[in-house]
Amino acid sequence: MARTHRKVGYSPTGKLKDVTPDMAARGVEEAFRMLEGRWKMVILFQLFALPVLRFSELERAIPAVSQKMLIQQLRELERDGIVERKIYPQVPPKVEYTLTEWGRALCPALDELLEWAALRKPSPPA
């Protein structure tokens, strides 16, 4: 049985000296919690491709999502500090979404995760 009080030799930033497996697992679980949601990955990859998108552009880019769900997912991403919303005081209202600096830093991590997933060998047919 693994002991969570042992120190692991890996720290993403190289700055944490006393990272335990339990601490690492909690950190990754928290990151996954911020990214869970049917449309969050699609929203993020749209914003990786075009750094500034109006709400209506996101709606057109993701036609399968309802307006209510898009709003909810964007609010959660904004609450977690991944996406930034800018409202222009005009009629009709203009709202733009961009990734925060921290949100942009997520792109290489997701690229690595995509590469990792591509390494999986397909299962043989049953």
C-alpha atoms as a PDB file:
ATOM      1  CA  MET A   1       0.000   0.000   0.000  1.00  0.00           C
ATOM      2  CA  ALA A   2       1.324   3.447  -0.914  1.00  0.00           C
ATOM      3  CA  ARG A   3       2.032   5.890   1.834  1.00  0.00           C
ATOM      4  CA  THR A   4       0.972   9.439   1.160  1.00  0.00           C
ATOM      5  CA  HIS A   5       3.434  10.946   3.605  1.00  0.00           C
ATOM      6  CA  ARG A   6       6.374  10.046   1.351  1.00  0.00           C
ATOM      7  CA  LYS A   7       7.743  12.899  -0.692  1.00  0.00           C
ATOM      8  CA  VAL A   8       7.439  12.616  -4.453  1.00  0.00           C
ATOM      9  CA  GLY A   9      10.296  13.667  -6.637  1.00  0.00           C
ATOM     10  CA  TYR A  10       8.179  15.698  -9.048  1.00  0.00           C
ATOM     11  CA  SER A  11       7.032  19.248  -8.745  1.00  0.00           C
ATOM     12  CA  PRO A  12       5.583  21.008 -11.802  1.00  0.00           C
ATOM     13  CA  THR A  13       7.337  24.257 -11.026  1.00  0.00           C
ATOM     14  CA  GLY A  14      10.386  22.732  -9.378  1.00  0.00           C
ATOM     15  CA  LYS A  15       9.732  25.038  -6.433  1.00  0.00           C
ATOM     16  CA  LEU A  16       7.783  22.730  -4.138  1.00  0.00           C
ATOM     17  CA  LYS A  17      10.132  20.646  -2.029  1.00  0.00           C
ATOM     18  CA  ASP A  18       7.707  18.687   0.146  1.00  0.00           C
ATOM     19  CA  VAL A  19       5.022  17.493  -2.267  1.00  0.00           C
ATOM     20  CA  THR A  20       3.386  14.272  -1.140  1.00  0.00           C
ATOM     21  CA  PRO A  21       1.365  11.978  -3.421  1.00  0.00           C
ATOM     22  CA  ASP A  22      -1.761  13.058  -1.528  1.00  0.00           C
ATOM     23  CA  MET A  23      -1.008  16.747  -2.115  1.00  0.00           C
ATOM     24  CA  ALA A  24      -0.307  16.099  -5.798  1.00  0.00           C
ATOM     25  CA  ALA A  25      -3.554  14.143  -6.195  1.00  0.00           C
ATOM     26  CA  ARG A  26      -5.591  16.912  -4.535  1.00  0.00           C
ATOM     27  CA  GLY A  27      -4.010  19.528  -6.792  1.00  0.00           C
ATOM     28  CA  VAL A  28      -4.799  17.566  -9.935  1.00  0.00           C
ATOM     29  CA  GLU A  29      -8.345  16.846  -8.711  1.00  0.00           C
ATOM     30  CA  GLU A  30      -8.866  20.583  -8.189  1.00  0.00           C
ATOM     31  CA  ALA A  31      -7.571  21.320 -11.695  1.00  0.00           C
ATOM     32  CA  PHE A  32      -9.920  18.699 -13.173  1.00  0.00           C
ATOM     33  CA  ARG A  33     -12.814  20.172 -11.167  1.00  0.00           C
ATOM     34  CA  MET A  34     -12.214  23.542 -12.818  1.00  0.00           C
ATOM     35  CA  LEU A  35     -12.187  21.938 -16.269  1.00  0.00           C
ATOM     36  CA  GLU A  36     -15.083  19.515 -15.877  1.00  0.00           C
ATOM     37  CA  GLY A  37     -18.211  20.379 -17.779  1.00  0.00           C
ATOM     38  CA  ARG A  38     -19.556  19.282 -21.131  1.00  0.00           C
ATOM     39  CA  TRP A  39     -18.559  22.464 -22.989  1.00  0.00           C
ATOM     40  CA  LYS A  40     -15.552  23.899 -21.129  1.00  0.00           C
ATOM     41  CA  MET A  41     -12.909  22.197 -23.272  1.00  0.00           C
ATOM     42  CA  VAL A  42     -14.664  23.275 -26.465  1.00  0.00           C
ATOM     43  CA  ILE A  43     -14.841  26.865 -25.175  1.00  0.00           C
ATOM     44  CA  LEU A  44     -11.160  26.810 -24.200  1.00  0.00           C
ATOM     45  CA  PHE A  45     -10.007  25.470 -27.555  1.00  0.00           C
ATOM     46  CA  GLN A  46     -12.121  28.097 -29.345  1.00  0.00           C
ATOM     47  CA  LEU A  47     -10.338  30.766 -27.271  1.00  0.00           C
ATOM     48  CA  PHE A  48      -6.928  29.188 -27.943  1.00  0.00           C
ATOM     49  CA  ALA A  49      -7.679  29.513 -31.678  1.00  0.00           C
ATOM     50  CA  LEU A  50      -9.124  33.044 -31.564  1.00  0.00           C
ATOM     51  CA  PRO A  51      -7.979  34.924 -28.453  1.00  0.00           C
ATOM     52  CA  VAL A  52     -10.972  37.307 -28.334  1.00  0.00           C
ATOM     53  CA  LEU A  53     -14.498  36.111 -29.000  1.00  0.00           C
ATOM     54  CA  ARG A  54     -17.835  37.788 -28.537  1.00  0.00           C
ATOM     55  CA  PHE A  55     -20.614  35.773 -26.927  1.00  0.00           C
ATOM     56  CA  SER A  56     -22.466  35.511 -30.228  1.00  0.00           C
ATOM     57  CA  GLU A  57     -19.294  34.210 -31.937  1.00  0.00           C
ATOM     58  CA  LEU A  58     -18.956  31.504 -29.307  1.00  0.00           C
ATOM     59  CA  GLU A  59     -22.616  30.580 -29.849  1.00  0.00           C
ATOM     60  CA  ARG A  60     -22.020  30.220 -33.592  1.00  0.00           C
ATOM     61  CA  ALA A  61     -18.771  28.307 -33.079  1.00  0.00           C
ATOM     62  CA  ILE A  62     -20.483  25.787 -30.767  1.00  0.00           C
ATOM     63  CA  PRO A  63     -23.943  25.298 -32.291  1.00  0.00           C
ATOM     64  CA  ALA A  64     -24.853  22.273 -30.141  1.00  0.00           C
ATOM     65  CA  VAL A  65     -24.663  24.201 -26.849  1.00  0.00           C
ATOM     66  CA  SER A  66     -27.701  26.002 -25.474  1.00  0.00           C
ATOM     67  CA  GLN A  67     -27.390  29.664 -24.586  1.00  0.00           C
ATOM     68  CA  LYS A  68     -28.098  28.873 -20.924  1.00  0.00           C
ATOM     69  CA  MET A  69     -25.360  26.213 -20.766  1.00  0.00           C
ATOM     70  CA  LEU A  70     -22.843  28.418 -22.582  1.00  0.00           C
ATOM     71  CA  ILE A  71     -23.473  31.217 -20.096  1.00  0.00           C
ATOM     72  CA  GLN A  72     -23.145  28.814 -17.160  1.00  0.00           C
ATOM     73  CA  GLN A  73     -19.882  27.288 -18.399  1.00  0.00           C
ATOM     74  CA  LEU A  74     -18.393  30.720 -19.179  1.00  0.00           C
ATOM     75  CA  ARG A  75     -19.332  31.996 -15.703  1.00  0.00           C
ATOM     76  CA  GLU A  76     -17.647  29.001 -14.080  1.00  0.00           C
ATOM     77  CA  LEU A  77     -14.498  29.522 -16.158  1.00  0.00           C
ATOM     78  CA  GLU A  78     -14.568  33.201 -15.224  1.00  0.00           C
ATOM     79  CA  ARG A  79     -15.106  32.414 -11.526  1.00  0.00           C
ATOM     80  CA  ASP A  80     -12.089  30.089 -11.599  1.00  0.00           C
ATOM     81  CA  GLY A  81      -9.887  32.766 -13.194  1.00  0.00           C
ATOM     82  CA  ILE A  82      -9.417  31.008 -16.540  1.00  0.00           C
ATOM     83  CA  VAL A  83     -11.572  33.293 -18.704  1.00  0.00           C
ATOM     84  CA  GLU A  84     -12.043  37.040 -18.536  1.00  0.00           C
ATOM     85  CA  ARG A  85     -15.242  38.811 -19.587  1.00  0.00           C
ATOM     86  CA  LYS A  86     -15.267  42.389 -20.824  1.00  0.00           C
ATOM     87  CA  ILE A  87     -18.579  44.218 -21.103  1.00  0.00           C
ATOM     88  CA  TYR A  88     -18.857  47.277 -23.321  1.00  0.00           C
ATOM     89  CA  PRO A  89     -21.552  49.753 -22.224  1.00  0.00           C
ATOM     90  CA  GLN A  90     -23.433  50.125 -25.484  1.00  0.00           C
ATOM     91  CA  VAL A  91     -26.745  49.149 -27.026  1.00  0.00           C
ATOM     92  CA  PRO A  92     -26.974  46.344 -27.894  1.00  0.00           C
ATOM     93  CA  PRO A  93     -24.560  45.122 -25.221  1.00  0.00           C
ATOM     94  CA  LYS A  94     -21.209  43.846 -26.436  1.00  0.00           C
ATOM     95  CA  VAL A  95     -19.489  41.152 -24.370  1.00  0.00           C
ATOM     96  CA  GLU A  96     -16.068  39.730 -25.217  1.00  0.00           C
ATOM     97  CA  TYR A  97     -14.320  36.741 -23.713  1.00  0.00           C
ATOM     98  CA  THR A  98     -10.579  36.174 -23.530  1.00  0.00           C
ATOM     99  CA  LEU A  99      -8.323  33.808 -21.665  1.00  0.00           C
ATOM    100  CA  THR A 100      -6.509  35.205 -18.673  1.00  0.00           C
ATOM    101  CA  GLU A 101      -2.736  34.833 -18.597  1.00  0.00           C
ATOM    102  CA  TRP A 102      -3.259  31.833 -16.325  1.00  0.00           C
ATOM    103  CA  GLY A 103      -5.834  30.441 -18.772  1.00  0.00           C
ATOM    104  CA  ARG A 104      -3.383  30.795 -21.673  1.00  0.00           C
ATOM    105  CA  ALA A 105      -0.812  28.868 -19.621  1.00  0.00           C
ATOM    106  CA  LEU A 106      -3.231  25.935 -19.752  1.00  0.00           C
ATOM    107  CA  CYS A 107      -2.719  25.457 -23.521  1.00  0.00           C
ATOM    108  CA  PRO A 108       0.640  23.611 -23.317  1.00  0.00           C
ATOM    109  CA  ALA A 109      -0.698  21.375 -20.532  1.00  0.00           C
ATOM    110  CA  LEU A 110      -3.730  20.413 -22.616  1.00  0.00           C
ATOM    111  CA  ASP A 111      -1.489  19.856 -25.649  1.00  0.00           C
ATOM    112  CA  GLU A 112       0.598  17.437 -23.557  1.00  0.00           C
ATOM    113  CA  LEU A 113      -2.552  15.679 -22.351  1.00  0.00           C
ATOM    114  CA  LEU A 114      -3.698  15.332 -25.963  1.00  0.00           C
ATOM    115  CA  GLU A 115      -0.303  13.868 -26.925  1.00  0.00           C
ATOM    116  CA  TRP A 116      -0.521  11.457 -23.990  1.00  0.00           C
ATOM    117  CA  ALA A 117      -3.997  10.310 -25.063  1.00  0.00           C
ATOM    118  CA  ALA A 118      -2.715   9.725 -28.610  1.00  0.00           C
ATOM    119  CA  LEU A 119      -0.126   7.254 -27.259  1.00  0.00           C
ATOM    120  CA  ARG A 120      -2.871   4.840 -26.226  1.00  0.00           C
ATOM    121  CA  LYS A 121      -2.939   1.798 -28.420  1.00  0.00           C
ATOM    122  CA  PRO A 122      -6.410   0.860 -29.616  1.00  0.00           C
ATOM    123  CA  SER A 123      -7.935  -2.205 -27.983  1.00  0.00           C
ATOM    124  CA  PRO A 124      -8.080  -5.303 -30.176  1.00  0.00           C
ATOM    125  CA  PRO A 125     -11.565  -6.141 -31.452  1.00  0.00           C
ATOM    126  CA  ALA A 126     -13.498  -8.517 -29.184  1.00  0.00           C
END
